[in-house]
Structure formats: C-alpha cells, structure tokens
Amino acid sequence: MDYFRELQANDGVRAVILTATGDRFFSAGLDIKEMESLPVVWYANVGCINSVAWARLLKDALAERNIPMLLLDCDYIDPTYVNEAELKDKTETFFEMLEERKEG
C-alpha cells in the first residue's frame, strides 16, 4: 500500500496498470477501506457475466466511500464493441474529473 501512496503523491503518474506475464493470469484483491481516495479503473469484459456483476458491486461500494471508478466496458473477442474514440473520451473525462477533485 505504501508504494501506491507514493504513486498517488507523484503528479507525473496518471495511471498504474497491473498485468500478468507469460501464460499466467493476474487477479488482485484488496480491502477498499484501505484505499482512501485511490481511483479505480475496471476493464469489464461484457462477455463475462461475472466481470459485469463484480464491476457493478465494486462501483457501488466505492461510491459509498467517495472513491472514483472508471468502468470500461469492452469485449475480449470483438474489438469493435467499443471504438477507440469512445474509450479515449471516457478515459480523458475520468482523468479530468480526477484533476478537478485534486484541485478542489
């Protein structure tokens, strides 16, 4: 958690992406009570009902704690499900909102 606090304090960091390498999957869990105001970006595969359901539950839980969340609905199989311009606009709007929160 200390590492993420350092990243949060660094004005040059706008996003942190955690990934897996090789043929392994990556999954993470943490106590949202420890997150304070760290923003969350969730990439939800619309083809996976569990991903969509967890995204909604997480978004509601985070909203109760005033933690911002960007939900990106995408499809692993069909890359045309969401076009690049929509994703870019949604992401830029989210980061602008974060900047406004930081200044306010």
C-alpha atoms as a PDB file:
ATOM      1  CA  MET A   1       0.000   0.000   0.000  1.00  0.00           C
ATOM      2  CA  ASP A   2       2.905   2.390   0.659  1.00  0.00           C
ATOM      3  CA  TYR A   3       4.011   2.043  -2.957  1.00  0.00           C
ATOM      4  CA  PHE A   4       0.571   3.098  -4.195  1.00  0.00           C
ATOM      5  CA  ARG A   5       0.586   6.091  -1.838  1.00  0.00           C
ATOM      6  CA  GLU A   6       3.922   7.141  -3.359  1.00  0.00           C
ATOM      7  CA  LEU A   7       2.434   6.817  -6.835  1.00  0.00           C
ATOM      8  CA  GLN A   8      -0.609   8.822  -5.772  1.00  0.00           C
ATOM      9  CA  ALA A   9       1.611  11.640  -4.483  1.00  0.00           C
ATOM     10  CA  ASN A  10       3.585  11.744  -7.748  1.00  0.00           C
ATOM     11  CA  ASP A  11       1.915  14.300 -10.042  1.00  0.00           C
ATOM     12  CA  GLY A  12       3.614  12.716 -13.053  1.00  0.00           C
ATOM     13  CA  VAL A  13       1.738   9.422 -12.619  1.00  0.00           C
ATOM     14  CA  ARG A  14      -1.696   9.407 -14.241  1.00  0.00           C
ATOM     15  CA  ALA A  15      -2.325   5.669 -14.329  1.00  0.00           C
ATOM     16  CA  VAL A  16      -0.956   2.410 -13.000  1.00  0.00           C
ATOM     17  CA  ILE A  17      -1.573  -0.766 -14.949  1.00  0.00           C
ATOM     18  CA  LEU A  18      -1.034  -4.162 -13.342  1.00  0.00           C
ATOM     19  CA  THR A  19      -0.651  -7.052 -15.733  1.00  0.00           C
ATOM     20  CA  ALA A  20       0.430 -10.650 -15.808  1.00  0.00           C
ATOM     21  CA  THR A  21       3.311 -12.048 -17.824  1.00  0.00           C
ATOM     22  CA  GLY A  22       3.660 -15.230 -19.803  1.00  0.00           C
ATOM     23  CA  ASP A  23       0.821 -17.728 -19.600  1.00  0.00           C
ATOM     24  CA  ARG A  24      -0.337 -16.702 -16.123  1.00  0.00           C
ATOM     25  CA  PHE A  25      -3.451 -14.782 -15.189  1.00  0.00           C
ATOM     26  CA  PHE A  26      -3.460 -11.792 -12.895  1.00  0.00           C
ATOM     27  CA  SER A  27      -6.046 -11.106 -10.259  1.00  0.00           C
ATOM     28  CA  ALA A  28      -5.802  -8.756  -7.332  1.00  0.00           C
ATOM     29  CA  GLY A  29      -7.810  -8.085  -4.259  1.00  0.00           C
ATOM     30  CA  LEU A  30      -7.583  -5.554  -1.505  1.00  0.00           C
ATOM     31  CA  ASP A  31      -9.605  -4.027   1.258  1.00  0.00           C
ATOM     32  CA  ILE A  32     -11.313  -0.939  -0.170  1.00  0.00           C
ATOM     33  CA  LYS A  33     -11.287   0.558   3.321  1.00  0.00           C
ATOM     34  CA  GLU A  34      -7.516   0.880   2.883  1.00  0.00           C
ATOM     35  CA  MET A  35      -7.749   2.581  -0.485  1.00  0.00           C
ATOM     36  CA  GLU A  36      -8.615   6.035   0.824  1.00  0.00           C
ATOM     37  CA  SER A  37      -9.152   8.039  -2.342  1.00  0.00           C
ATOM     38  CA  LEU A  38      -7.214   5.979  -4.880  1.00  0.00           C
ATOM     39  CA  PRO A  39      -9.144   5.957  -8.163  1.00  0.00           C
ATOM     40  CA  VAL A  40     -10.032   2.623  -9.738  1.00  0.00           C
ATOM     41  CA  VAL A  41     -10.120   1.656 -13.415  1.00  0.00           C
ATOM     42  CA  TRP A  42     -12.031  -1.562 -14.147  1.00  0.00           C
ATOM     43  CA  TYR A  43     -11.845  -3.236 -17.538  1.00  0.00           C
ATOM     44  CA  ALA A  44     -15.049  -5.266 -17.734  1.00  0.00           C
ATOM     45  CA  ASN A  45     -15.447  -7.912 -20.395  1.00  0.00           C
ATOM     46  CA  VAL A  46     -19.117  -7.718 -21.397  1.00  0.00           C
ATOM     47  CA  GLY A  47     -18.940 -11.358 -22.471  1.00  0.00           C
ATOM     48  CA  CYS A  48     -18.308 -12.382 -18.857  1.00  0.00           C
ATOM     49  CA  ILE A  49     -21.369 -12.022 -16.622  1.00  0.00           C
ATOM     50  CA  ASN A  50     -19.176 -12.279 -13.518  1.00  0.00           C
ATOM     51  CA  SER A  51     -16.981  -9.387 -14.632  1.00  0.00           C
ATOM     52  CA  VAL A  52     -20.001  -7.184 -15.241  1.00  0.00           C
ATOM     53  CA  ALA A  53     -21.665  -8.162 -11.945  1.00  0.00           C
ATOM     54  CA  TRP A  54     -18.500  -7.571  -9.908  1.00  0.00           C
ATOM     55  CA  ALA A  55     -17.982  -4.231 -11.630  1.00  0.00           C
ATOM     56  CA  ARG A  56     -21.415  -3.018 -10.522  1.00  0.00           C
ATOM     57  CA  LEU A  57     -20.917  -4.234  -6.933  1.00  0.00           C
ATOM     58  CA  LEU A  58     -17.482  -2.662  -6.755  1.00  0.00           C
ATOM     59  CA  LYS A  59     -18.648   0.634  -8.247  1.00  0.00           C
ATOM     60  CA  ASP A  60     -21.463   0.875  -5.682  1.00  0.00           C
ATOM     61  CA  ALA A  61     -19.130   0.051  -2.771  1.00  0.00           C
ATOM     62  CA  LEU A  62     -16.574   2.591  -3.949  1.00  0.00           C
ATOM     63  CA  ALA A  63     -19.228   5.279  -4.439  1.00  0.00           C
ATOM     64  CA  GLU A  64     -20.256   4.885  -0.790  1.00  0.00           C
ATOM     65  CA  ARG A  65     -16.680   5.830   0.136  1.00  0.00           C
ATOM     66  CA  ASN A  66     -16.404   8.594  -2.489  1.00  0.00           C
ATOM     67  CA  ILE A  67     -13.739   6.664  -4.426  1.00  0.00           C
ATOM     68  CA  PRO A  68     -13.893   7.370  -8.173  1.00  0.00           C
ATOM     69  CA  MET A  69     -14.118   4.481 -10.620  1.00  0.00           C
ATOM     70  CA  LEU A  70     -13.810   4.352 -14.383  1.00  0.00           C
ATOM     71  CA  LEU A  71     -15.674   1.389 -15.817  1.00  0.00           C
ATOM     72  CA  LEU A  72     -14.512   0.398 -19.287  1.00  0.00           C
ATOM     73  CA  ASP A  73     -16.955  -1.985 -20.951  1.00  0.00           C
ATOM     74  CA  CYS A  74     -15.049  -3.942 -23.570  1.00  0.00           C
ATOM     75  CA  ASP A  75     -15.150  -7.267 -25.333  1.00  0.00           C
ATOM     76  CA  TYR A  76     -12.072  -9.504 -25.476  1.00  0.00           C
ATOM     77  CA  ILE A  77     -13.380 -11.252 -28.595  1.00  0.00           C
ATOM     78  CA  ASP A  78     -14.866  -8.359 -30.581  1.00  0.00           C
ATOM     79  CA  PRO A  79     -12.577  -5.303 -30.597  1.00  0.00           C
ATOM     80  CA  THR A  80     -15.236  -3.311 -32.466  1.00  0.00           C
ATOM     81  CA  TYR A  81     -17.604  -3.445 -29.455  1.00  0.00           C
ATOM     82  CA  VAL A  82     -16.284  -0.048 -28.333  1.00  0.00           C
ATOM     83  CA  ASN A  83     -14.430   2.227 -30.698  1.00  0.00           C
ATOM     84  CA  GLU A  84     -11.125   3.815 -29.794  1.00  0.00           C
ATOM     85  CA  ALA A  85     -12.514   7.369 -29.788  1.00  0.00           C
ATOM     86  CA  GLU A  86     -15.161   6.428 -27.187  1.00  0.00           C
ATOM     87  CA  LEU A  87     -12.562   4.804 -24.932  1.00  0.00           C
ATOM     88  CA  LYS A  88     -10.246   7.784 -25.277  1.00  0.00           C
ATOM     89  CA  ASP A  89     -13.038  10.254 -24.493  1.00  0.00           C
ATOM     90  CA  LYS A  90     -14.233   8.278 -21.484  1.00  0.00           C
ATOM     91  CA  THR A  91     -10.683   7.946 -20.133  1.00  0.00           C
ATOM     92  CA  GLU A  92      -9.816  11.610 -20.666  1.00  0.00           C
ATOM     93  CA  THR A  93     -13.050  12.707 -18.972  1.00  0.00           C
ATOM     94  CA  PHE A  94     -12.234  10.495 -15.984  1.00  0.00           C
ATOM     95  CA  PHE A  95      -8.724  11.936 -15.623  1.00  0.00           C
ATOM     96  CA  GLU A  96     -10.064  15.490 -15.956  1.00  0.00           C
ATOM     97  CA  MET A  97     -12.506  14.750 -13.146  1.00  0.00           C
ATOM     98  CA  LEU A  98      -9.625  13.455 -11.026  1.00  0.00           C
ATOM     99  CA  GLU A  99      -7.659  16.657 -11.659  1.00  0.00           C
ATOM    100  CA  GLU A 100     -10.674  18.768 -10.640  1.00  0.00           C
ATOM    101  CA  ARG A 101     -11.076  16.756  -7.439  1.00  0.00           C
ATOM    102  CA  LYS A 102      -7.383  17.201  -6.686  1.00  0.00           C
ATOM    103  CA  GLU A 103      -7.565  20.973  -7.169  1.00  0.00           C
ATOM    104  CA  GLY A 104     -10.849  21.374  -5.298  1.00  0.00           C
END
